[in-house]
Amino acid sequence: MLYLLATRRSIRSHRAFSEEYDRAARQLSSEGYDVAPSPGARHYERLLTVGGVKTAPHGPTARVLERMFQRPVGDLLRPAADAAADDRGEAAELPSRHVLNESDLLMTARDAASHSGEAAALRLDDLTLDQLTDDLVALSRAYARTAPADVFHEARGLLQRAQVGLERTRFPEQHTRLYYAAAQASALLAAVSFGLGAMAPTVSFARSAAQYGRTIDNGPVQAYAYGVLAFAAFWSGRPGEAVRLTRTAQQFGGLGDTARRRLYAIEARAHGHLRPEEQAQRAIRGTTSRLSVACGTSCTTTSAGSSPSTTPAPP
């Protein structure tokens, strides 16, 4: 119903809707009511779709919508046919049933042009994403010779930049780059937290990295995050949990040799505490004579093939 009413009032585009919303909000505010800012473009598009939002807008937003359209917010989010039928006691007459004229076509064309213009504006400059990637690479390479506090502040800033970017773009390929950047920044924060002996933040940041990786179906970054979780479990006195987490990490696709050696090394160390000799030896055999190089101070995870990622591993 919200879509239908907004279309009839020629405020279907986000820009026109926001202007009308702001007028109603100012009026309500002058009357002493609490109001919320106009919904963002993506939230607005979800409001126009039946089932687009799981819960009704909270009070300050609902109050403005109800003033704009003189209907309860629950009715505005219902299917147009149902809401209109309740009003008239008969089947709703939707816009498609009346005879089209040139005015209808022009209005729809203008709405489409306005919406496409807003969509085009919601794309980040690729140079901005390139800079974010370069900053992550630089911080990762400088990790071993940078003070932990400096790494933390830099990585936190990079994570925030990725999160803000995700809110500002609606282009899938940019979402993929930004989620990967957020995963890398979270992994850096997990590594520095581990280095400082703060296990709770280590686990939280590693889980965030895994979630970001799952969102874009990136196996290596998920495996790295599970490796951090396994290391944290081991040093928290839970070697059995460390074994489970490393085996989960080993199942992700796209891992290079260095990543697998590192995971086998963590598993072997955990088995060493659990005392199952055969399983410990099997994990050790999963490594190679280059293990001391792969899992030393430059230890990294790898993507498909053998190229390393930019995220350092815990020591």
C-alpha atoms as a PDB file:
ATOM      1  CA  MET A   1       0.000   0.000   0.000  1.00  0.00           C
ATOM      2  CA  LEU A   2       2.891   2.371   0.689  1.00  0.00           C
ATOM      3  CA  TYR A   3       4.146   1.839  -2.865  1.00  0.00           C
ATOM      4  CA  LEU A   4       0.667   2.450  -4.283  1.00  0.00           C
ATOM      5  CA  LEU A   5       0.066   5.641  -2.301  1.00  0.00           C
ATOM      6  CA  ALA A   6       3.531   7.023  -2.984  1.00  0.00           C
ATOM      7  CA  THR A   7       3.058   6.400  -6.714  1.00  0.00           C
ATOM      8  CA  ARG A   8      -0.344   8.088  -6.747  1.00  0.00           C
ATOM      9  CA  ARG A   9       1.125  11.146  -5.031  1.00  0.00           C
ATOM     10  CA  SER A  10       4.080  11.240  -7.453  1.00  0.00           C
ATOM     11  CA  ILE A  11       6.620  10.776  -4.653  1.00  0.00           C
ATOM     12  CA  ARG A  12       7.738   7.273  -5.611  1.00  0.00           C
ATOM     13  CA  SER A  13      11.422   8.255  -5.980  1.00  0.00           C
ATOM     14  CA  HIS A  14      13.494   8.323  -2.821  1.00  0.00           C
ATOM     15  CA  ARG A  15      14.320  11.995  -3.253  1.00  0.00           C
ATOM     16  CA  ALA A  16      10.685  13.096  -3.602  1.00  0.00           C
ATOM     17  CA  PHE A  17       9.582  10.824  -0.772  1.00  0.00           C
ATOM     18  CA  SER A  18      12.304  12.173   1.522  1.00  0.00           C
ATOM     19  CA  GLU A  19      11.251  15.763   0.887  1.00  0.00           C
ATOM     20  CA  GLU A  20       7.640  14.945   1.761  1.00  0.00           C
ATOM     21  CA  TYR A  21       8.758  12.924   4.777  1.00  0.00           C
ATOM     22  CA  ASP A  22      10.893  15.799   6.066  1.00  0.00           C
ATOM     23  CA  ARG A  23       7.970  18.228   5.799  1.00  0.00           C
ATOM     24  CA  ALA A  24       5.738  15.920   7.834  1.00  0.00           C
ATOM     25  CA  ALA A  25       8.542  15.319  10.344  1.00  0.00           C
ATOM     26  CA  ARG A  26       9.070  19.049  10.882  1.00  0.00           C
ATOM     27  CA  GLN A  27       5.356  19.531  11.458  1.00  0.00           C
ATOM     28  CA  LEU A  28       5.229  16.732  14.024  1.00  0.00           C
ATOM     29  CA  SER A  29       8.367  18.012  15.722  1.00  0.00           C
ATOM     30  CA  SER A  30       6.825  21.462  16.104  1.00  0.00           C
ATOM     31  CA  GLU A  31       3.907  19.753  17.852  1.00  0.00           C
ATOM     32  CA  GLY A  32       6.279  18.180  20.382  1.00  0.00           C
ATOM     33  CA  TYR A  33       6.525  14.656  18.954  1.00  0.00           C
ATOM     34  CA  ASP A  34       9.723  12.647  18.572  1.00  0.00           C
ATOM     35  CA  VAL A  35      10.519  11.908  14.944  1.00  0.00           C
ATOM     36  CA  ALA A  36      13.211   9.978  13.090  1.00  0.00           C
ATOM     37  CA  PRO A  37      15.179  10.958   9.968  1.00  0.00           C
ATOM     38  CA  SER A  38      13.946   9.880   6.561  1.00  0.00           C
ATOM     39  CA  PRO A  39      14.723   6.220   5.721  1.00  0.00           C
ATOM     40  CA  GLY A  40      17.823   5.679   3.610  1.00  0.00           C
ATOM     41  CA  ALA A  41      17.482   4.654  -0.024  1.00  0.00           C
ATOM     42  CA  ARG A  42      17.881   0.924   0.585  1.00  0.00           C
ATOM     43  CA  HIS A  43      15.584   0.910   3.600  1.00  0.00           C
ATOM     44  CA  TYR A  44      12.993   2.865   1.607  1.00  0.00           C
ATOM     45  CA  GLU A  45      13.057   0.264  -1.179  1.00  0.00           C
ATOM     46  CA  ARG A  46      12.461  -2.484   1.386  1.00  0.00           C
ATOM     47  CA  LEU A  47       9.511  -0.565   2.847  1.00  0.00           C
ATOM     48  CA  LEU A  48       7.899  -0.502  -0.610  1.00  0.00           C
ATOM     49  CA  THR A  49       7.981  -4.298  -0.875  1.00  0.00           C
ATOM     50  CA  VAL A  50       5.567  -6.650   0.879  1.00  0.00           C
ATOM     51  CA  GLY A  51       7.691  -8.581   3.372  1.00  0.00           C
ATOM     52  CA  GLY A  52      10.652  -6.312   2.696  1.00  0.00           C
ATOM     53  CA  VAL A  53      11.016  -5.531   6.409  1.00  0.00           C
ATOM     54  CA  LYS A  54      10.632  -8.096   9.173  1.00  0.00           C
ATOM     55  CA  THR A  55       9.287  -5.656  11.749  1.00  0.00           C
ATOM     56  CA  ALA A  56       7.243  -2.483  11.474  1.00  0.00           C
ATOM     57  CA  PRO A  57       9.167   0.818  11.692  1.00  0.00           C
ATOM     58  CA  HIS A  58       9.712   2.020  15.257  1.00  0.00           C
ATOM     59  CA  GLY A  59       7.551   4.759  16.741  1.00  0.00           C
ATOM     60  CA  PRO A  60       9.317   7.960  15.564  1.00  0.00           C
ATOM     61  CA  THR A  61       9.392   6.706  11.957  1.00  0.00           C
ATOM     62  CA  ALA A  62       5.918   5.167  12.014  1.00  0.00           C
ATOM     63  CA  ARG A  63       4.508   8.437  13.368  1.00  0.00           C
ATOM     64  CA  VAL A  64       5.750  10.375  10.341  1.00  0.00           C
ATOM     65  CA  LEU A  65       4.518   7.785   7.834  1.00  0.00           C
ATOM     66  CA  GLU A  66       1.085   7.779   9.429  1.00  0.00           C
ATOM     67  CA  ARG A  67       0.912  11.571   9.248  1.00  0.00           C
ATOM     68  CA  MET A  68       1.969  11.523   5.590  1.00  0.00           C
ATOM     69  CA  PHE A  69      -0.595   8.989   4.443  1.00  0.00           C
ATOM     70  CA  GLN A  70      -3.268   9.171   7.164  1.00  0.00           C
ATOM     71  CA  ARG A  71      -3.183   5.417   7.669  1.00  0.00           C
ATOM     72  CA  PRO A  72      -1.823   3.097  10.382  1.00  0.00           C
ATOM     73  CA  VAL A  73       1.685   1.976   9.525  1.00  0.00           C
ATOM     74  CA  GLY A  74       0.513  -1.642   9.564  1.00  0.00           C
ATOM     75  CA  ASP A  75      -1.848  -0.888   6.668  1.00  0.00           C
ATOM     76  CA  LEU A  76       0.918   0.831   4.727  1.00  0.00           C
ATOM     77  CA  LEU A  77       3.004  -2.350   4.760  1.00  0.00           C
ATOM     78  CA  ARG A  78       0.152  -4.667   3.759  1.00  0.00           C
ATOM     79  CA  PRO A  79      -0.469  -5.842   0.180  1.00  0.00           C
ATOM     80  CA  ALA A  80      -2.233  -3.017  -1.651  1.00  0.00           C
ATOM     81  CA  ALA A  81      -5.141  -5.197  -2.754  1.00  0.00           C
ATOM     82  CA  ASP A  82      -5.909  -6.352   0.797  1.00  0.00           C
ATOM     83  CA  ALA A  83      -5.731  -2.883   2.335  1.00  0.00           C
ATOM     84  CA  ALA A  84      -7.813  -1.290  -0.377  1.00  0.00           C
ATOM     85  CA  ALA A  85     -10.433  -4.055  -0.168  1.00  0.00           C
ATOM     86  CA  ASP A  86     -10.805  -3.445   3.567  1.00  0.00           C
ATOM     87  CA  ASP A  87     -11.376   0.259   2.910  1.00  0.00           C
ATOM     88  CA  ARG A  88     -14.105  -0.207   0.293  1.00  0.00           C
ATOM     89  CA  GLY A  89     -15.439  -3.650   1.134  1.00  0.00           C
ATOM     90  CA  GLU A  90     -14.614  -4.823  -2.374  1.00  0.00           C
ATOM     91  CA  ALA A  91     -11.660  -5.915  -4.471  1.00  0.00           C
ATOM     92  CA  ALA A  92      -9.009  -3.234  -4.776  1.00  0.00           C
ATOM     93  CA  GLU A  93      -8.698  -1.382  -8.015  1.00  0.00           C
ATOM     94  CA  LEU A  94      -5.004  -1.257  -8.763  1.00  0.00           C
ATOM     95  CA  PRO A  95      -3.475   1.315 -11.121  1.00  0.00           C
ATOM     96  CA  SER A  96      -2.930  -1.245 -13.878  1.00  0.00           C
ATOM     97  CA  ARG A  97      -6.719  -1.560 -14.377  1.00  0.00           C
ATOM     98  CA  HIS A  98      -7.354   1.944 -15.609  1.00  0.00           C
ATOM     99  CA  VAL A  99      -6.670   3.087 -19.145  1.00  0.00           C
ATOM    100  CA  LEU A 100      -3.129   4.336 -19.585  1.00  0.00           C
ATOM    101  CA  ASN A 101      -2.498   7.801 -20.924  1.00  0.00           C
ATOM    102  CA  GLU A 102       0.614   9.780 -21.764  1.00  0.00           C
ATOM    103  CA  SER A 103       0.667  11.433 -18.339  1.00  0.00           C
ATOM    104  CA  ASP A 104       0.931   8.030 -16.649  1.00  0.00           C
ATOM    105  CA  LEU A 105       3.781   7.033 -18.941  1.00  0.00           C
ATOM    106  CA  LEU A 106       5.673  10.269 -18.360  1.00  0.00           C
ATOM    107  CA  MET A 107       5.267  10.034 -14.578  1.00  0.00           C
ATOM    108  CA  THR A 108       6.568   6.453 -14.552  1.00  0.00           C
ATOM    109  CA  ALA A 109       9.442   7.366 -16.849  1.00  0.00           C
ATOM    110  CA  ARG A 110      10.446  10.251 -14.570  1.00  0.00           C
ATOM    111  CA  ASP A 111      10.312   7.994 -11.498  1.00  0.00           C
ATOM    112  CA  ALA A 112      12.506   5.444 -13.284  1.00  0.00           C
ATOM    113  CA  ALA A 113      14.994   8.133 -14.299  1.00  0.00           C
ATOM    114  CA  SER A 114      15.113   9.526 -10.767  1.00  0.00           C
ATOM    115  CA  HIS A 115      15.583   6.086  -9.246  1.00  0.00           C
ATOM    116  CA  SER A 116      18.315   5.079 -11.697  1.00  0.00           C
ATOM    117  CA  GLY A 117      20.119   8.345 -10.989  1.00  0.00           C
ATOM    118  CA  GLU A 118      20.016   7.676  -7.267  1.00  0.00           C
ATOM    119  CA  ALA A 119      21.270   4.123  -7.832  1.00  0.00           C
ATOM    120  CA  ALA A 120      24.186   5.374  -9.939  1.00  0.00           C
ATOM    121  CA  ALA A 121      25.087   7.807  -7.169  1.00  0.00           C
ATOM    122  CA  LEU A 122      25.315   4.906  -4.711  1.00  0.00           C
ATOM    123  CA  ARG A 123      28.556   3.632  -6.180  1.00  0.00           C
ATOM    124  CA  LEU A 124      31.931   4.240  -4.627  1.00  0.00           C
ATOM    125  CA  ASP A 125      34.858   5.477  -6.635  1.00  0.00           C
ATOM    126  CA  ASP A 126      37.008   2.442  -7.456  1.00  0.00           C
ATOM    127  CA  LEU A 127      40.060   4.451  -6.423  1.00  0.00           C
ATOM    128  CA  THR A 128      38.615   4.597  -2.905  1.00  0.00           C
ATOM    129  CA  LEU A 129      38.468   0.795  -2.792  1.00  0.00           C
ATOM    130  CA  ASP A 130      41.973   0.528  -4.242  1.00  0.00           C
ATOM    131  CA  GLN A 131      43.276   2.792  -1.482  1.00  0.00           C
ATOM    132  CA  LEU A 132      41.558   0.707   1.193  1.00  0.00           C
ATOM    133  CA  THR A 133      43.162  -2.440  -0.229  1.00  0.00           C
ATOM    134  CA  ASP A 134      46.592  -0.800  -0.388  1.00  0.00           C
ATOM    135  CA  ASP A 135      46.297   0.401   3.211  1.00  0.00           C
ATOM    136  CA  LEU A 136      45.439  -3.116   4.383  1.00  0.00           C
ATOM    137  CA  VAL A 137      48.416  -4.564   2.509  1.00  0.00           C
ATOM    138  CA  ALA A 138      50.755  -1.947   3.954  1.00  0.00           C
ATOM    139  CA  LEU A 139      49.544  -2.485   7.519  1.00  0.00           C
ATOM    140  CA  SER A 140      49.796  -6.274   7.206  1.00  0.00           C
ATOM    141  CA  ARG A 141      53.353  -6.097   5.884  1.00  0.00           C
ATOM    142  CA  ALA A 142      54.350  -3.713   8.659  1.00  0.00           C
ATOM    143  CA  TYR A 143      52.598  -5.787  11.341  1.00  0.00           C
ATOM    144  CA  ALA A 144      55.707  -7.464  12.769  1.00  0.00           C
ATOM    145  CA  ARG A 145      57.576  -4.170  13.245  1.00  0.00           C
ATOM    146  CA  THR A 146      54.663  -1.975  14.364  1.00  0.00           C
ATOM    147  CA  ALA A 147      53.562  -1.390  17.951  1.00  0.00           C
ATOM    148  CA  PRO A 148      50.376  -3.367  18.772  1.00  0.00           C
ATOM    149  CA  ALA A 149      48.487  -0.223  19.786  1.00  0.00           C
ATOM    150  CA  ASP A 150      49.273   1.376  16.416  1.00  0.00           C
ATOM    151  CA  VAL A 151      48.162  -1.749  14.550  1.00  0.00           C
ATOM    152  CA  PHE A 152      44.932  -1.806  16.523  1.00  0.00           C
ATOM    153  CA  HIS A 153      44.050   1.823  15.788  1.00  0.00           C
ATOM    154  CA  GLU A 154      44.967   1.523  12.108  1.00  0.00           C
ATOM    155  CA  ALA A 155      43.025  -1.744  11.656  1.00  0.00           C
ATOM    156  CA  ARG A 156      39.998  -0.363  13.478  1.00  0.00           C
ATOM    157  CA  GLY A 157      39.976   2.647  11.161  1.00  0.00           C
ATOM    158  CA  LEU A 158      40.207   0.390   8.104  1.00  0.00           C
ATOM    159  CA  LEU A 159      37.340  -1.770   9.374  1.00  0.00           C
ATOM    160  CA  GLN A 160      35.185   1.312   9.870  1.00  0.00           C
ATOM    161  CA  ARG A 161      36.009   2.527   6.354  1.00  0.00           C
ATOM    162  CA  ALA A 162      34.914  -0.823   4.929  1.00  0.00           C
ATOM    163  CA  GLN A 163      31.687  -0.785   6.952  1.00  0.00           C
ATOM    164  CA  VAL A 164      30.833   2.769   5.864  1.00  0.00           C
ATOM    165  CA  GLY A 165      31.559   1.831   2.268  1.00  0.00           C
ATOM    166  CA  LEU A 166      29.135  -1.082   2.481  1.00  0.00           C
ATOM    167  CA  GLU A 167      26.385   1.350   3.468  1.00  0.00           C
ATOM    168  CA  ARG A 168      27.185   3.694   0.596  1.00  0.00           C
ATOM    169  CA  THR A 169      27.211   1.296  -2.340  1.00  0.00           C
ATOM    170  CA  ARG A 170      24.696  -1.129  -3.749  1.00  0.00           C
ATOM    171  CA  PHE A 171      26.930  -2.684  -6.419  1.00  0.00           C
ATOM    172  CA  PRO A 172      27.592  -6.410  -5.830  1.00  0.00           C
ATOM    173  CA  GLU A 173      31.199  -6.387  -7.002  1.00  0.00           C
ATOM    174  CA  GLN A 174      31.996  -3.525  -4.630  1.00  0.00           C
ATOM    175  CA  HIS A 175      30.227  -5.342  -1.791  1.00  0.00           C
ATOM    176  CA  THR A 176      32.510  -8.325  -2.397  1.00  0.00           C
ATOM    177  CA  ARG A 177      35.649  -6.177  -2.176  1.00  0.00           C
ATOM    178  CA  LEU A 178      34.412  -4.363   0.907  1.00  0.00           C
ATOM    179  CA  TYR A 179      33.368  -7.529   2.760  1.00  0.00           C
ATOM    180  CA  TYR A 180      36.797  -8.989   2.013  1.00  0.00           C
ATOM    181  CA  ALA A 181      38.447  -5.819   3.308  1.00  0.00           C
ATOM    182  CA  ALA A 182      36.302  -5.981   6.444  1.00  0.00           C
ATOM    183  CA  ALA A 183      37.334  -9.619   6.919  1.00  0.00           C
ATOM    184  CA  GLN A 184      41.025  -8.722   6.582  1.00  0.00           C
ATOM    185  CA  ALA A 185      40.731  -5.821   9.021  1.00  0.00           C
ATOM    186  CA  SER A 186      38.886  -8.030  11.515  1.00  0.00           C
ATOM    187  CA  ALA A 187      41.584 -10.687  11.164  1.00  0.00           C
ATOM    188  CA  LEU A 188      44.258  -8.077  11.854  1.00  0.00           C
ATOM    189  CA  LEU A 189      42.383  -7.003  14.961  1.00  0.00           C
ATOM    190  CA  ALA A 190      42.118 -10.640  16.053  1.00  0.00           C
ATOM    191  CA  ALA A 191      45.867 -11.133  15.554  1.00  0.00           C
ATOM    192  CA  VAL A 192      46.863  -8.039  17.516  1.00  0.00           C
ATOM    193  CA  SER A 193      44.380  -8.903  20.295  1.00  0.00           C
ATOM    194  CA  PHE A 194      45.944 -12.355  20.538  1.00  0.00           C
ATOM    195  CA  GLY A 195      49.385 -10.820  20.669  1.00  0.00           C
ATOM    196  CA  LEU A 196      48.253  -8.713  23.624  1.00  0.00           C
ATOM    197  CA  GLY A 197      46.848 -11.781  25.394  1.00  0.00           C
ATOM    198  CA  ALA A 198      43.227 -10.563  25.164  1.00  0.00           C
ATOM    199  CA  MET A 199      41.403 -13.790  24.309  1.00  0.00           C
ATOM    200  CA  ALA A 200      37.805 -12.516  24.380  1.00  0.00           C
ATOM    201  CA  PRO A 201      38.405  -9.800  21.738  1.00  0.00           C
ATOM    202  CA  THR A 202      40.527 -12.268  19.760  1.00  0.00           C
ATOM    203  CA  VAL A 203      37.624 -14.688  19.505  1.00  0.00           C
ATOM    204  CA  SER A 204      35.101 -11.947  18.723  1.00  0.00           C
ATOM    205  CA  PHE A 205      37.193 -10.401  15.936  1.00  0.00           C
ATOM    206  CA  ALA A 206      38.000 -13.828  14.476  1.00  0.00           C
ATOM    207  CA  ARG A 207      34.322 -14.738  14.386  1.00  0.00           C
ATOM    208  CA  SER A 208      33.575 -11.445  12.645  1.00  0.00           C
ATOM    209  CA  ALA A 209      36.247 -12.235  10.040  1.00  0.00           C
ATOM    210  CA  ALA A 210      34.693 -15.671   9.510  1.00  0.00           C
ATOM    211  CA  GLN A 211      31.225 -14.170   9.096  1.00  0.00           C
ATOM    212  CA  TYR A 212      32.455 -11.633   6.559  1.00  0.00           C
ATOM    213  CA  GLY A 213      34.202 -14.432   4.699  1.00  0.00           C
ATOM    214  CA  ARG A 214      31.071 -16.555   4.712  1.00  0.00           C
ATOM    215  CA  THR A 215      29.071 -13.660   3.275  1.00  0.00           C
ATOM    216  CA  ILE A 216      31.236 -13.652   0.138  1.00  0.00           C
ATOM    217  CA  ASP A 217      31.969 -17.401   0.202  1.00  0.00           C
ATOM    218  CA  ASN A 218      35.713 -16.836   0.586  1.00  0.00           C
ATOM    219  CA  GLY A 219      37.325 -20.056   1.798  1.00  0.00           C
ATOM    220  CA  PRO A 220      40.833 -18.813   2.677  1.00  0.00           C
ATOM    221  CA  VAL A 221      39.685 -15.973   4.908  1.00  0.00           C
ATOM    222  CA  GLN A 222      37.286 -18.304   6.737  1.00  0.00           C
ATOM    223  CA  ALA A 223      40.056 -20.846   7.191  1.00  0.00           C
ATOM    224  CA  TYR A 224      42.362 -18.158   8.582  1.00  0.00           C
ATOM    225  CA  ALA A 225      39.690 -17.037  11.047  1.00  0.00           C
ATOM    226  CA  TYR A 226      39.075 -20.605  12.203  1.00  0.00           C
ATOM    227  CA  GLY A 227      42.833 -21.010  12.610  1.00  0.00           C
ATOM    228  CA  VAL A 228      42.898 -18.000  14.932  1.00  0.00           C
ATOM    229  CA  LEU A 229      39.958 -19.450  16.868  1.00  0.00           C
ATOM    230  CA  ALA A 230      41.806 -22.764  17.160  1.00  0.00           C
ATOM    231  CA  PHE A 231      44.947 -21.033  18.430  1.00  0.00           C
ATOM    232  CA  ALA A 232      42.889 -19.099  20.968  1.00  0.00           C
ATOM    233  CA  ALA A 233      41.192 -22.312  22.110  1.00  0.00           C
ATOM    234  CA  PHE A 234      44.567 -24.028  22.501  1.00  0.00           C
ATOM    235  CA  TRP A 235      46.022 -21.242  24.629  1.00  0.00           C
ATOM    236  CA  SER A 236      42.824 -21.110  26.672  1.00  0.00           C
ATOM    237  CA  GLY A 237      43.338 -24.720  27.752  1.00  0.00           C
ATOM    238  CA  ARG A 238      40.917 -26.352  25.287  1.00  0.00           C
ATOM    239  CA  PRO A 239      43.074 -28.465  22.941  1.00  0.00           C
ATOM    240  CA  GLY A 240      40.130 -30.671  21.961  1.00  0.00           C
ATOM    241  CA  GLU A 241      38.252 -27.609  20.705  1.00  0.00           C
ATOM    242  CA  ALA A 242      41.408 -26.511  18.875  1.00  0.00           C
ATOM    243  CA  VAL A 243      41.504 -29.824  16.998  1.00  0.00           C
ATOM    244  CA  ARG A 244      37.844 -29.466  15.984  1.00  0.00           C
ATOM    245  CA  LEU A 245      38.342 -25.917  14.734  1.00  0.00           C
ATOM    246  CA  THR A 246      41.455 -26.749  12.705  1.00  0.00           C
ATOM    247  CA  ARG A 247      39.679 -29.650  11.032  1.00  0.00           C
ATOM    248  CA  THR A 248      36.807 -27.355  10.155  1.00  0.00           C
ATOM    249  CA  ALA A 249      39.289 -24.855   8.714  1.00  0.00           C
ATOM    250  CA  GLN A 250      40.919 -27.550   6.584  1.00  0.00           C
ATOM    251  CA  GLN A 251      37.605 -28.205   4.799  1.00  0.00           C
ATOM    252  CA  PHE A 252      37.430 -24.774   3.153  1.00  0.00           C
ATOM    253  CA  GLY A 253      38.410 -24.533  -0.496  1.00  0.00           C
ATOM    254  CA  GLY A 254      41.118 -22.421  -2.058  1.00  0.00           C
ATOM    255  CA  LEU A 255      43.820 -23.003   0.559  1.00  0.00           C
ATOM    256  CA  GLY A 256      47.456 -22.929  -0.444  1.00  0.00           C
ATOM    257  CA  ASP A 257      50.250 -25.058   0.985  1.00  0.00           C
ATOM    258  CA  THR A 258      51.307 -22.510   3.603  1.00  0.00           C
ATOM    259  CA  ALA A 259      47.790 -22.274   5.024  1.00  0.00           C
ATOM    260  CA  ARG A 260      47.447 -26.049   5.261  1.00  0.00           C
ATOM    261  CA  ARG A 261      50.860 -26.416   6.932  1.00  0.00           C
ATOM    262  CA  ARG A 262      49.907 -23.818   9.495  1.00  0.00           C
ATOM    263  CA  LEU A 263      46.611 -25.554  10.288  1.00  0.00           C
ATOM    264  CA  TYR A 264      48.341 -28.945  10.582  1.00  0.00           C
ATOM    265  CA  ALA A 265      50.879 -27.376  12.937  1.00  0.00           C
ATOM    266  CA  ILE A 266      48.136 -26.053  15.217  1.00  0.00           C
ATOM    267  CA  GLU A 267      46.381 -29.429  15.137  1.00  0.00           C
ATOM    268  CA  ALA A 268      49.615 -31.315  15.895  1.00  0.00           C
ATOM    269  CA  ARG A 269      50.341 -29.083  18.881  1.00  0.00           C
ATOM    270  CA  ALA A 270      46.816 -29.655  20.243  1.00  0.00           C
ATOM    271  CA  HIS A 271      47.190 -33.440  19.793  1.00  0.00           C
ATOM    272  CA  GLY A 272      50.465 -33.195  21.684  1.00  0.00           C
ATOM    273  CA  HIS A 273      48.529 -32.082  24.736  1.00  0.00           C
ATOM    274  CA  LEU A 274      45.742 -34.627  24.219  1.00  0.00           C
ATOM    275  CA  ARG A 275      48.329 -37.471  23.934  1.00  0.00           C
ATOM    276  CA  PRO A 276      46.883 -39.425  20.963  1.00  0.00           C
ATOM    277  CA  GLU A 277      50.272 -40.244  19.404  1.00  0.00           C
ATOM    278  CA  GLU A 278      49.007 -41.594  16.077  1.00  0.00           C
ATOM    279  CA  GLN A 279      46.843 -38.551  15.361  1.00  0.00           C
ATOM    280  CA  ALA A 280      49.634 -36.190  16.369  1.00  0.00           C
ATOM    281  CA  GLN A 281      52.068 -37.918  13.992  1.00  0.00           C
ATOM    282  CA  ARG A 282      49.510 -37.814  11.170  1.00  0.00           C
ATOM    283  CA  ALA A 283      49.104 -34.066  11.660  1.00  0.00           C
ATOM    284  CA  ILE A 284      52.885 -33.602  11.723  1.00  0.00           C
ATOM    285  CA  ARG A 285      53.192 -35.554   8.462  1.00  0.00           C
ATOM    286  CA  GLY A 286      50.763 -33.017   6.961  1.00  0.00           C
ATOM    287  CA  THR A 287      53.496 -30.429   7.315  1.00  0.00           C
ATOM    288  CA  THR A 288      56.813 -30.362   5.440  1.00  0.00           C
ATOM    289  CA  SER A 289      60.424 -29.562   6.167  1.00  0.00           C
ATOM    290  CA  ARG A 290      59.562 -25.954   5.254  1.00  0.00           C
ATOM    291  CA  LEU A 291      57.204 -25.671   8.227  1.00  0.00           C
ATOM    292  CA  SER A 292      59.675 -23.580  10.218  1.00  0.00           C
ATOM    293  CA  VAL A 293      59.724 -21.047   7.388  1.00  0.00           C
ATOM    294  CA  ALA A 294      56.000 -21.140   6.659  1.00  0.00           C
ATOM    295  CA  CYS A 295      54.932 -20.721  10.272  1.00  0.00           C
ATOM    296  CA  GLY A 296      57.657 -18.477  11.600  1.00  0.00           C
ATOM    297  CA  THR A 297      57.516 -14.694  11.992  1.00  0.00           C
ATOM    298  CA  SER A 298      56.203 -14.261   8.447  1.00  0.00           C
ATOM    299  CA  CYS A 299      53.433 -16.839   8.803  1.00  0.00           C
ATOM    300  CA  THR A 300      50.451 -16.030   6.559  1.00  0.00           C
ATOM    301  CA  THR A 301      47.422 -17.726   5.130  1.00  0.00           C
ATOM    302  CA  THR A 302      47.146 -18.197   1.398  1.00  0.00           C
ATOM    303  CA  SER A 303      44.461 -17.964  -1.205  1.00  0.00           C
ATOM    304  CA  ALA A 304      44.018 -20.387  -4.118  1.00  0.00           C
ATOM    305  CA  GLY A 305      47.381 -21.627  -5.315  1.00  0.00           C
ATOM    306  CA  SER A 306      50.269 -20.428  -3.221  1.00  0.00           C
ATOM    307  CA  SER A 307      49.993 -16.630  -3.120  1.00  0.00           C
ATOM    308  CA  PRO A 308      49.788 -15.340   0.477  1.00  0.00           C
ATOM    309  CA  SER A 309      47.048 -13.138   1.838  1.00  0.00           C
ATOM    310  CA  THR A 310      47.897  -9.888   3.553  1.00  0.00           C
ATOM    311  CA  THR A 311      46.822 -10.910   7.035  1.00  0.00           C
ATOM    312  CA  PRO A 312      49.490 -11.974   9.553  1.00  0.00           C
ATOM    313  CA  ALA A 313      48.992 -15.012  11.728  1.00  0.00           C
ATOM    314  CA  PRO A 314      49.298 -15.050  15.499  1.00  0.00           C
ATOM    315  CA  PRO A 315      52.863 -15.889  16.622  1.00  0.00           C
END
